[in-house]
PDB file of N, CA and C in Angstrom:
ATOM      1  N   MET A   1     -36.566   3.139 160.210  1.00  0.00           N
ATOM      2  CA  MET A   1     -36.531   3.174 159.245  1.00  0.00           C
ATOM      3  C   MET A   1     -36.336   3.996 158.437  1.00  0.00           C
ATOM      4  N   ARG A   2     -36.758   5.482 159.051  1.00  0.00           N
ATOM      5  CA  ARG A   2     -36.330   6.890 158.841  1.00  0.00           C
ATOM      6  C   ARG A   2     -34.853   7.101 158.877  1.00  0.00           C
ATOM      7  N   LYS A   3     -34.275   6.134 159.825  1.00  0.00           N
ATOM      8  CA  LYS A   3     -32.664   6.612 159.786  1.00  0.00           C
ATOM      9  C   LYS A   3     -32.115   6.010 158.422  1.00  0.00           C
ATOM     10  N   LYS A   4     -32.409   4.874 158.159  1.00  0.00           N
ATOM     11  CA  LYS A   4     -32.053   3.955 156.674  1.00  0.00           C
ATOM     12  C   LYS A   4     -32.353   4.919 155.498  1.00  0.00           C
ATOM     13  N   LYS A   5     -33.530   5.688 155.667  1.00  0.00           N
ATOM     14  CA  LYS A   5     -33.698   6.590 154.621  1.00  0.00           C
ATOM     15  C   LYS A   5     -33.195   8.083 154.782  1.00  0.00           C
ATOM     16  N   ALA A   6     -32.616   8.153 156.016  1.00  0.00           N
ATOM     17  CA  ALA A   6     -32.417   9.525 155.734  1.00  0.00           C
ATOM     18  C   ALA A   6     -30.158   9.051 155.430  1.00  0.00           C
ATOM     19  N   ALA A   7     -30.246   8.321 155.796  1.00  0.00           N
ATOM     20  CA  ALA A   7     -28.692   7.708 155.266  1.00  0.00           C
ATOM     21  C   ALA A   7     -28.519   7.193 154.108  1.00  0.00           C
ATOM     22  N   ILE A   8     -29.757   7.131 153.432  1.00  0.00           N
ATOM     23  CA  ILE A   8     -29.676   6.635 151.802  1.00  0.00           C
ATOM     24  C   ILE A   8     -29.430   8.200 151.393  1.00  0.00           C
ATOM     25  N   ASN A   9     -30.149   9.684 151.455  1.00  0.00           N
ATOM     26  CA  ASN A   9     -30.504  10.514 151.171  1.00  0.00           C
ATOM     27  C   ASN A   9     -28.917  11.360 151.238  1.00  0.00           C
ATOM     28  N   ILE A  10     -28.665  10.954 152.398  1.00  0.00           N
ATOM     29  CA  ILE A  10     -27.444  11.610 152.873  1.00  0.00           C
ATOM     30  C   ILE A  10     -26.527  11.001 151.680  1.00  0.00           C
ATOM     31  N   SER A  11     -25.928   9.520 151.610  1.00  0.00           N
ATOM     32  CA  SER A  11     -25.271   9.044 150.827  1.00  0.00           C
ATOM     33  C   SER A  11     -25.289  10.098 149.368  1.00  0.00           C
ATOM     34  N   ARG A  12     -26.875   9.488 149.243  1.00  0.00           N
ATOM     35  CA  ARG A  12     -27.100   9.851 147.586  1.00  0.00           C
ATOM     36  C   ARG A  12     -26.451  11.159 147.524  1.00  0.00           C
ATOM     37  N   THR A  13     -26.654  12.710 148.164  1.00  0.00           N
ATOM     38  CA  THR A  13     -26.277  13.877 148.021  1.00  0.00           C
ATOM     39  C   THR A  13     -25.094  13.657 147.909  1.00  0.00           C
ATOM     40  N   ARG A  14     -24.264  13.267 148.907  1.00  0.00           N
ATOM     41  CA  ARG A  14     -22.023  12.950 149.070  1.00  0.00           C
ATOM     42  C   ARG A  14     -22.007  12.388 147.754  1.00  0.00           C
ATOM     43  N   THR A  15     -23.105  11.434 146.772  1.00  0.00           N
ATOM     44  CA  THR A  15     -22.449  11.109 145.431  1.00  0.00           C
ATOM     45  C   THR A  15     -22.991  12.035 144.519  1.00  0.00           C
ATOM     46  N   GLU A  16     -23.880  12.684 144.143  1.00  0.00           N
ATOM     47  CA  GLU A  16     -24.126  13.358 143.755  1.00  0.00           C
ATOM     48  C   GLU A  16     -22.231  15.130 143.852  1.00  0.00           C
ATOM     49  N   LYS A  17     -22.215  15.438 144.923  1.00  0.00           N
ATOM     50  CA  LYS A  17     -21.399  15.728 145.149  1.00  0.00           C
ATOM     51  C   LYS A  17     -20.313  15.620 144.243  1.00  0.00           C
ATOM     52  N   ILE A  18     -19.503  14.185 144.976  1.00  0.00           N
ATOM     53  CA  ILE A  18     -18.452  13.625 144.860  1.00  0.00           C
ATOM     54  C   ILE A  18     -18.595  13.786 142.524  1.00  0.00           C
ATOM     55  N   LYS A  19     -20.170  13.528 141.817  1.00  0.00           N
ATOM     56  CA  LYS A  19     -19.979  13.490 140.571  1.00  0.00           C
ATOM     57  C   LYS A  19     -19.957  14.665 140.160  1.00  0.00           C
ATOM     58  N   THR A  20     -20.798  15.478 140.706  1.00  0.00           N
ATOM     59  CA  THR A  20     -20.799  17.275 140.121  1.00  0.00           C
ATOM     60  C   THR A  20     -19.400  17.763 140.285  1.00  0.00           C
ATOM     61  N   GLN A  21     -18.608  17.241 141.368  1.00  0.00           N
ATOM     62  CA  GLN A  21     -16.787  17.561 141.522  1.00  0.00           C
ATOM     63  C   GLN A  21     -16.032  17.088 140.473  1.00  0.00           C
ATOM     64  N   ALA A  22     -16.046  16.258 140.099  1.00  0.00           N
ATOM     65  CA  ALA A  22     -15.349  15.320 139.473  1.00  0.00           C
ATOM     66  C   ALA A  22     -15.942  16.274 137.620  1.00  0.00           C
ATOM     67  N   GLU A  23     -16.663  16.122 138.100  1.00  0.00           N
ATOM     68  CA  GLU A  23     -17.102  16.805 135.991  1.00  0.00           C
ATOM     69  C   GLU A  23     -16.635  17.787 136.489  1.00  0.00           C
ATOM     70  N   TYR A  24     -16.796  19.317 136.921  1.00  0.00           N
ATOM     71  CA  TYR A  24     -16.488  20.587 137.187  1.00  0.00           C
ATOM     72  C   TYR A  24     -14.869  19.925 136.650  1.00  0.00           C
ATOM     73  N   THR A  25     -14.495  19.237 137.800  1.00  0.00           N
ATOM     74  CA  THR A  25     -12.539  19.450 137.333  1.00  0.00           C
ATOM     75  C   THR A  25     -12.059  18.923 135.818  1.00  0.00           C
ATOM     76  N   GLU A  26     -12.564  18.176 135.377  1.00  0.00           N
ATOM     77  CA  GLU A  26     -12.637  17.541 133.840  1.00  0.00           C
ATOM     78  C   GLU A  26     -12.724  18.628 133.043  1.00  0.00           C
ATOM     79  N   VAL A  27     -13.467  19.648 133.337  1.00  0.00           N
ATOM     80  CA  VAL A  27     -14.011  20.782 132.682  1.00  0.00           C
ATOM     81  C   VAL A  27     -12.945  21.862 133.072  1.00  0.00           C
ATOM     82  N   ASN A  28     -12.794  21.885 133.843  1.00  0.00           N
ATOM     83  CA  ASN A  28     -11.177  23.164 134.467  1.00  0.00           C
ATOM     84  C   ASN A  28     -10.414  22.472 133.370  1.00  0.00           C
ATOM     85  N   LYS A  29     -10.021  21.084 133.723  1.00  0.00           N
ATOM     86  CA  LYS A  29      -9.001  20.533 132.751  1.00  0.00           C
ATOM     87  C   LYS A  29      -8.963  21.447 131.429  1.00  0.00           C
ATOM     88  N   ARG A  30      -9.590  21.195 130.606  1.00  0.00           N
ATOM     89  CA  ARG A  30     -10.084  21.462 129.395  1.00  0.00           C
ATOM     90  C   ARG A  30      -9.683  22.805 129.673  1.00  0.00           C
ATOM     91  N   VAL A  31     -10.552  23.689 129.623  1.00  0.00           N
ATOM     92  CA  VAL A  31     -10.406  25.152 129.841  1.00  0.00           C
ATOM     93  C   VAL A  31      -9.194  25.186 130.242  1.00  0.00           C
ATOM     94  N   LYS A  32      -8.304  24.948 130.757  1.00  0.00           N
ATOM     95  CA  LYS A  32      -6.696  25.271 131.206  1.00  0.00           C
ATOM     96  C   LYS A  32      -6.383  25.070 129.510  1.00  0.00           C
ATOM     97  N   ARG A  33      -6.329  23.790 129.695  1.00  0.00           N
ATOM     98  CA  ARG A  33      -5.660  23.072 127.864  1.00  0.00           C
ATOM     99  C   ARG A  33      -6.117  24.154 127.057  1.00  0.00           C
ATOM    100  N   SER A  34      -7.048  24.267 127.052  1.00  0.00           N
ATOM    101  CA  SER A  34      -7.389  25.642 125.805  1.00  0.00           C
ATOM    102  C   SER A  34      -6.710  26.536 125.989  1.00  0.00           C
ATOM    103  N   ILE A  35      -6.233  27.391 127.105  1.00  0.00           N
ATOM    104  CA  ILE A  35      -6.044  28.744 127.090  1.00  0.00           C
ATOM    105  C   ILE A  35      -4.136  28.130 126.879  1.00  0.00           C
ATOM    106  N   ARG A  36      -3.525  26.904 127.644  1.00  0.00           N
ATOM    107  CA  ARG A  36      -2.729  27.278 127.310  1.00  0.00           C
ATOM    108  C   ARG A  36      -2.018  26.877 125.808  1.00  0.00           C
ATOM    109  N   THR A  37      -3.220  25.742 124.904  1.00  0.00           N
ATOM    110  CA  THR A  37      -3.066  26.486 123.668  1.00  0.00           C
ATOM    111  C   THR A  37      -3.510  27.111 122.926  1.00  0.00           C
ATOM    112  N   ASN A  38      -4.073  27.841 123.486  1.00  0.00           N
ATOM    113  CA  ASN A  38      -4.703  29.621 122.875  1.00  0.00           C
ATOM    114  C   ASN A  38      -3.381  30.185 122.843  1.00  0.00           C
ATOM    115  N   LYS A  39      -2.944  30.586 124.199  1.00  0.00           N
ATOM    116  CA  LYS A  39      -1.140  31.466 123.983  1.00  0.00           C
ATOM    117  C   LYS A  39      -0.493  31.196 123.931  1.00  0.00           C
ATOM    118  N   ARG A  40       0.198  29.550 123.370  1.00  0.00           N
ATOM    119  CA  ARG A  40       1.455  29.240 121.973  1.00  0.00           C
ATOM    120  C   ARG A  40       0.768  29.624 120.755  1.00  0.00           C
ATOM    121  N   LYS A  41      -0.314  29.508 120.289  1.00  0.00           N
ATOM    122  CA  LYS A  41      -1.049  29.911 119.506  1.00  0.00           C
ATOM    123  C   LYS A  41      -0.692  31.454 118.863  1.00  0.00           C
ATOM    124  N   TYR A  42      -0.970  32.222 119.920  1.00  0.00           N
ATOM    125  CA  TYR A  42      -0.954  33.376 119.735  1.00  0.00           C
ATOM    126  C   TYR A  42       0.829  33.532 119.975  1.00  0.00           C
ATOM    127  N   VAL A  43       1.531  33.212 120.425  1.00  0.00           N
ATOM    128  CA  VAL A  43       2.998  33.229 120.985  1.00  0.00           C
ATOM    129  C   VAL A  43       3.594  32.875 119.236  1.00  0.00           C
ATOM    130  N   GLU A  44       3.177  32.057 118.658  1.00  0.00           N
ATOM    131  CA  GLU A  44       3.482  31.665 117.523  1.00  0.00           C
ATOM    132  C   GLU A  44       3.830  32.382 116.447  1.00  0.00           C
ATOM    133  N   ASP A  45       2.210  32.976 116.140  1.00  0.00           N
ATOM    134  CA  ASP A  45       1.352  34.391 115.716  1.00  0.00           C
ATOM    135  C   ASP A  45       2.696  35.267 115.139  1.00  0.00           C
ATOM    136  N   LEU A  46       2.387  35.870 117.023  1.00  0.00           N
ATOM    137  CA  LEU A  46       3.381  37.016 116.951  1.00  0.00           C
ATOM    138  C   LEU A  46       5.570  36.602 116.274  1.00  0.00           C
ATOM    139  N   ALA A  47       4.992  35.738 116.668  1.00  0.00           N
ATOM    140  CA  ALA A  47       7.188  34.857 115.971  1.00  0.00           C
ATOM    141  C   ALA A  47       6.999  35.319 114.149  1.00  0.00           C
ATOM    142  N   LEU A  48       5.642  34.638 114.051  1.00  0.00           N
ATOM    143  CA  LEU A  48       5.622  34.689 112.716  1.00  0.00           C
ATOM    144  C   LEU A  48       5.811  35.968 112.172  1.00  0.00           C
ATOM    145  N   THR A  49       5.328  36.833 113.203  1.00  0.00           N
ATOM    146  CA  THR A  49       4.857  38.380 112.195  1.00  0.00           C
ATOM    147  C   THR A  49       6.217  38.842 113.005  1.00  0.00           C
ATOM    148  N   ALA A  50       7.090  38.991 113.763  1.00  0.00           N
ATOM    149  CA  ALA A  50       7.863  39.804 113.948  1.00  0.00           C
ATOM    150  C   ALA A  50       9.324  39.032 113.163  1.00  0.00           C
ATOM    151  N   GLU A  51       9.421  37.658 112.300  1.00  0.00           N
ATOM    152  CA  GLU A  51       9.686  37.414 111.352  1.00  0.00           C
ATOM    153  C   GLU A  51       9.196  37.841 110.045  1.00  0.00           C
ATOM    154  N   LYS A  52       8.302  37.694 109.452  1.00  0.00           N
ATOM    155  CA  LYS A  52       8.057  38.976 108.606  1.00  0.00           C
ATOM    156  C   LYS A  52       8.922  40.175 108.526  1.00  0.00           C
ATOM    157  N   ALA A  53       8.560  40.806 109.430  1.00  0.00           N
ATOM    158  CA  ALA A  53       8.822  42.390 109.503  1.00  0.00           C
ATOM    159  C   ALA A  53      10.488  42.552 109.606  1.00  0.00           C
ATOM    160  N   PHE A  54      11.109  41.527 110.333  1.00  0.00           N
ATOM    161  CA  PHE A  54      12.303  41.105 109.915  1.00  0.00           C
ATOM    162  C   PHE A  54      13.036  41.019 108.677  1.00  0.00           C
ATOM    163  N   GLU A  55      12.316  39.937 107.954  1.00  0.00           N
ATOM    164  CA  GLU A  55      12.693  39.646 106.393  1.00  0.00           C
ATOM    165  C   GLU A  55      12.387  40.994 105.628  1.00  0.00           C
ATOM    166  N   TYR A  56      11.196  41.866 106.120  1.00  0.00           N
ATOM    167  CA  TYR A  56      10.666  43.267 105.740  1.00  0.00           C
ATOM    168  C   TYR A  56      12.067  44.000 104.966  1.00  0.00           C
ATOM    169  N   VAL A  57      12.700  43.975 106.415  1.00  0.00           N
ATOM    170  CA  VAL A  57      13.086  45.247 107.489  1.00  0.00           C
ATOM    171  C   VAL A  57      14.394  44.756 106.476  1.00  0.00           C
ATOM    172  N   LYS A  58      15.052  43.408 106.367  1.00  0.00           N
ATOM    173  CA  LYS A  58      16.036  42.803 105.524  1.00  0.00           C
ATOM    174  C   LYS A  58      16.486  43.328 104.152  1.00  0.00           C
ATOM    175  N   SER A  59      15.002  43.475 103.710  1.00  0.00           N
ATOM    176  CA  SER A  59      14.758  43.532 102.491  1.00  0.00           C
ATOM    177  C   SER A  59      15.172  44.673 101.497  1.00  0.00           C
ATOM    178  N   ILE A  60      15.299  45.803 102.579  1.00  0.00           N
ATOM    179  CA  ILE A  60      15.560  47.067 102.418  1.00  0.00           C
ATOM    180  C   ILE A  60      16.919  47.372 102.279  1.00  0.00           C
ATOM    181  N   ILE A  61      17.616  46.894 101.268  1.00  0.00           N
ATOM    182  CA  ILE A  61      19.095  47.262 101.326  1.00  0.00           C
ATOM    183  C   ILE A  61      19.008  48.136  99.972  1.00  0.00           C
ATOM    184  N   ASP A  62      20.153  48.711  99.900  1.00  0.00           N
ATOM    185  CA  ASP A  62      20.766  49.649  98.656  1.00  0.00           C
ATOM    186  C   ASP A  62      21.178  48.706  97.773  1.00  0.00           C
ATOM    187  N   GLU A  63      21.278  49.572  96.372  1.00  0.00           N
ATOM    188  CA  GLU A  63      21.481  48.681  95.423  1.00  0.00           C
ATOM    189  C   GLU A  63      23.600  48.257  95.800  1.00  0.00           C
ATOM    190  N   HIS A  64      24.485  49.067  96.536  1.00  0.00           N
ATOM    191  CA  HIS A  64      25.567  48.613  96.883  1.00  0.00           C
ATOM    192  C   HIS A  64      25.227  47.459  98.512  1.00  0.00           C
ATOM    193  N   GLY A  65      24.029  47.171  98.628  1.00  0.00           N
ATOM    194  CA  GLY A  65      23.935  45.909  99.601  1.00  0.00           C
ATOM    195  C   GLY A  65      24.468  46.995 100.913  1.00  0.00           C
ATOM    196  N   GLU A  66      24.351  47.935 101.056  1.00  0.00           N
ATOM    197  CA  GLU A  66      24.705  48.537 102.297  1.00  0.00           C
ATOM    198  C   GLU A  66      23.445  49.374 102.869  1.00  0.00           C
ATOM    199  N   PHE A  67      23.068  48.821 104.553  1.00  0.00           N
ATOM    200  CA  PHE A  67      22.151  49.682 105.411  1.00  0.00           C
ATOM    201  C   PHE A  67      22.558  50.883 105.976  1.00  0.00           C
ATOM    202  N   ASP A  68      21.589  51.749 106.157  1.00  0.00           N
ATOM    203  CA  ASP A  68      21.784  52.734 106.653  1.00  0.00           C
ATOM    204  C   ASP A  68      22.198  52.428 108.599  1.00  0.00           C
ATOM    205  N   ALA A  69      22.233  53.744 109.090  1.00  0.00           N
ATOM    206  CA  ALA A  69      22.458  53.117 110.835  1.00  0.00           C
ATOM    207  C   ALA A  69      21.591  53.107 111.352  1.00  0.00           C
ATOM    208  N   ASP A  70      19.892  53.449 111.033  1.00  0.00           N
ATOM    209  CA  ASP A  70      19.100  53.327 111.206  1.00  0.00           C
ATOM    210  C   ASP A  70      18.527  51.786 110.978  1.00  0.00           C
ATOM    211  N   VAL A  71      18.269  51.305 109.885  1.00  0.00           N
ATOM    212  CA  VAL A  71      17.934  50.278 109.031  1.00  0.00           C
ATOM    213  C   VAL A  71      18.775  49.058 110.047  1.00  0.00           C
ATOM    214  N   LYS A  72      19.616  49.459 110.680  1.00  0.00           N
ATOM    215  CA  LYS A  72      20.741  48.198 110.983  1.00  0.00           C
ATOM    216  C   LYS A  72      20.386  47.908 112.398  1.00  0.00           C
ATOM    217  N   ALA A  73      19.042  48.854 113.172  1.00  0.00           N
ATOM    218  CA  ALA A  73      19.398  49.358 114.583  1.00  0.00           C
ATOM    219  C   ALA A  73      17.905  48.328 114.434  1.00  0.00           C
ATOM    220  N   ARG A  74      16.991  48.724 113.480  1.00  0.00           N
ATOM    221  CA  ARG A  74      15.901  47.951 113.350  1.00  0.00           C
ATOM    222  C   ARG A  74      15.871  46.678 112.957  1.00  0.00           C
ATOM    223  N   ILE A  75      17.012  46.233 112.638  1.00  0.00           N
ATOM    224  CA  ILE A  75      17.035  44.889 111.507  1.00  0.00           C
ATOM    225  C   ILE A  75      17.492  44.150 113.496  1.00  0.00           C
ATOM    226  N   GLY A  76      18.827  44.782 113.716  1.00  0.00           N
ATOM    227  CA  GLY A  76      18.876  44.400 115.729  1.00  0.00           C
ATOM    228  C   GLY A  76      17.639  44.121 116.261  1.00  0.00           C
ATOM    229  N   LYS A  77      16.588  44.796 116.537  1.00  0.00           N
ATOM    230  CA  LYS A  77      15.911  44.676 117.261  1.00  0.00           C
ATOM    231  C   LYS A  77      14.794  43.806 117.068  1.00  0.00           C
ATOM    232  N   ALA A  78      14.897  43.668 115.584  1.00  0.00           N
ATOM    233  CA  ALA A  78      13.635  42.938 115.371  1.00  0.00           C
ATOM    234  C   ALA A  78      13.950  41.697 115.601  1.00  0.00           C
ATOM    235  N   ARG A  79      15.500  40.823 114.634  1.00  0.00           N
ATOM    236  CA  ARG A  79      16.049  39.682 114.906  1.00  0.00           C
ATOM    237  C   ARG A  79      16.291  39.603 116.709  1.00  0.00           C
ATOM    238  N   GLU A  80      16.268  40.468 117.779  1.00  0.00           N
ATOM    239  CA  GLU A  80      16.090  39.953 118.771  1.00  0.00           C
ATOM    240  C   GLU A  80      14.249  39.414 119.533  1.00  0.00           C
ATOM    241  N   ALA A  81      13.845  40.354 118.804  1.00  0.00           N
ATOM    242  CA  ALA A  81      12.078  39.981 119.292  1.00  0.00           C
ATOM    243  C   ALA A  81      11.800  39.038 118.732  1.00  0.00           C
ATOM    244  N   TYR A  82      11.997  38.429 117.659  1.00  0.00           N
ATOM    245  CA  TYR A  82      12.288  36.920 116.677  1.00  0.00           C
ATOM    246  C   TYR A  82      12.250  36.086 117.296  1.00  0.00           C
ATOM    247  N   ILE A  83      13.878  35.698 118.261  1.00  0.00           N
ATOM    248  CA  ILE A  83      14.262  35.305 118.914  1.00  0.00           C
ATOM    249  C   ILE A  83      13.681  34.798 120.084  1.00  0.00           C
ATOM    250  N   GLN A  84      13.854  36.028 121.049  1.00  0.00           N
ATOM    251  CA  GLN A  84      12.899  35.830 122.372  1.00  0.00           C
ATOM    252  C   GLN A  84      11.336  35.006 121.604  1.00  0.00           C
ATOM    253  N   LEU A  85      11.107  35.530 120.688  1.00  0.00           N
ATOM    254  CA  LEU A  85       9.475  35.072 121.040  1.00  0.00           C
ATOM    255  C   LEU A  85       9.338  33.735 119.907  1.00  0.00           C
ATOM    256  N   LYS A  86      10.047  33.340 119.896  1.00  0.00           N
ATOM    257  CA  LYS A  86      10.809  31.922 119.663  1.00  0.00           C
ATOM    258  C   LYS A  86      11.257  30.869 120.399  1.00  0.00           C
ATOM    259  N   ASN A  87      11.650  31.582 121.218  1.00  0.00           N
ATOM    260  CA  ASN A  87      12.203  30.784 122.273  1.00  0.00           C
ATOM    261  C   ASN A  87      10.862  31.169 123.263  1.00  0.00           C
ATOM    262  N   ILE A  88      10.565  31.537 123.520  1.00  0.00           N
ATOM    263  CA  ILE A  88       8.913  31.807 124.406  1.00  0.00           C
ATOM    264  C   ILE A  88       8.119  30.257 123.932  1.00  0.00           C
ATOM    265  N   GLY A  89       7.924  30.229 122.206  1.00  0.00           N
ATOM    266  CA  GLY A  89       7.426  29.814 122.132  1.00  0.00           C
ATOM    267  C   GLY A  89       7.563  28.388 122.364  1.00  0.00           C
ATOM    268  N   LYS A  90       8.452  28.068 122.024  1.00  0.00           N
ATOM    269  CA  LYS A  90       9.372  26.417 122.534  1.00  0.00           C
ATOM    270  C   LYS A  90       9.109  26.064 123.638  1.00  0.00           C
ATOM    271  N   SER A  91       8.909  26.932 124.722  1.00  0.00           N
ATOM    272  CA  SER A  91       9.432  26.712 125.963  1.00  0.00           C
ATOM    273  C   SER A  91       7.806  25.928 126.925  1.00  0.00           C
ATOM    274  N   LYS A  92       7.749  25.342 127.392  1.00  0.00           N
ATOM    275  CA  LYS A  92       6.796  24.550 128.006  1.00  0.00           C
ATOM    276  C   LYS A  92       5.784  25.533 129.020  1.00  0.00           C
ATOM    277  N   GLN A  93       6.796  26.555 129.709  1.00  0.00           N
ATOM    278  CA  GLN A  93       6.402  27.265 130.641  1.00  0.00           C
ATOM    279  C   GLN A  93       4.976  28.483 130.642  1.00  0.00           C
ATOM    280  N   LEU A  94       4.517  28.539 129.319  1.00  0.00           N
ATOM    281  CA  LEU A  94       3.548  29.321 129.442  1.00  0.00           C
ATOM    282  C   LEU A  94       1.960  28.845 130.808  1.00  0.00           C
ATOM    283  N   SER A  95       2.408  29.913 132.096  1.00  0.00           N
ATOM    284  CA  SER A  95       1.438  29.979 132.887  1.00  0.00           C
ATOM    285  C   SER A  95       0.021  30.015 132.574  1.00  0.00           C
ATOM    286  N   VAL A  96      -0.714  29.358 133.212  1.00  0.00           N
ATOM    287  CA  VAL A  96      -2.023  29.594 132.985  1.00  0.00           C
ATOM    288  C   VAL A  96      -2.850  29.921 134.762  1.00  0.00           C
ATOM    289  N   ASN A  97      -3.309  30.984 134.447  1.00  0.00           N
ATOM    290  CA  ASN A  97      -3.789  31.458 135.704  1.00  0.00           C
ATOM    291  C   ASN A  97      -4.744  31.932 135.412  1.00  0.00           C
TER     292      ASN A  97
END
C-alpha cells in the first residue's frame, strides 16, 4: 500500500513539473514574441524619424535649387541611415537575447 501511494505522489509531482514546465515554455514564447514586436516597432519608428529628418534637410534648398556642401553631406548621411534602418526593419533577423 505504501509503495502505491508513494508511486502516486511521485507521479503527481512529475505531472506537476511537466505542467509547470509547459506553462513556462508558453509564457517564454510570448515574451520573446513581444520583444521581437517591440524591436521591430522601435526600428520602424527610428526609420520614420530618419525619413522625416531627410525630408527636412531636403527641403532646405535655396531659391536656385542648390545645396551648399554641408547640406549635401547631411542629406547623404540621412539617406544612408534611412536605407540601413529600412533594411533592418524589413529583415527577419531581429535577434532576441
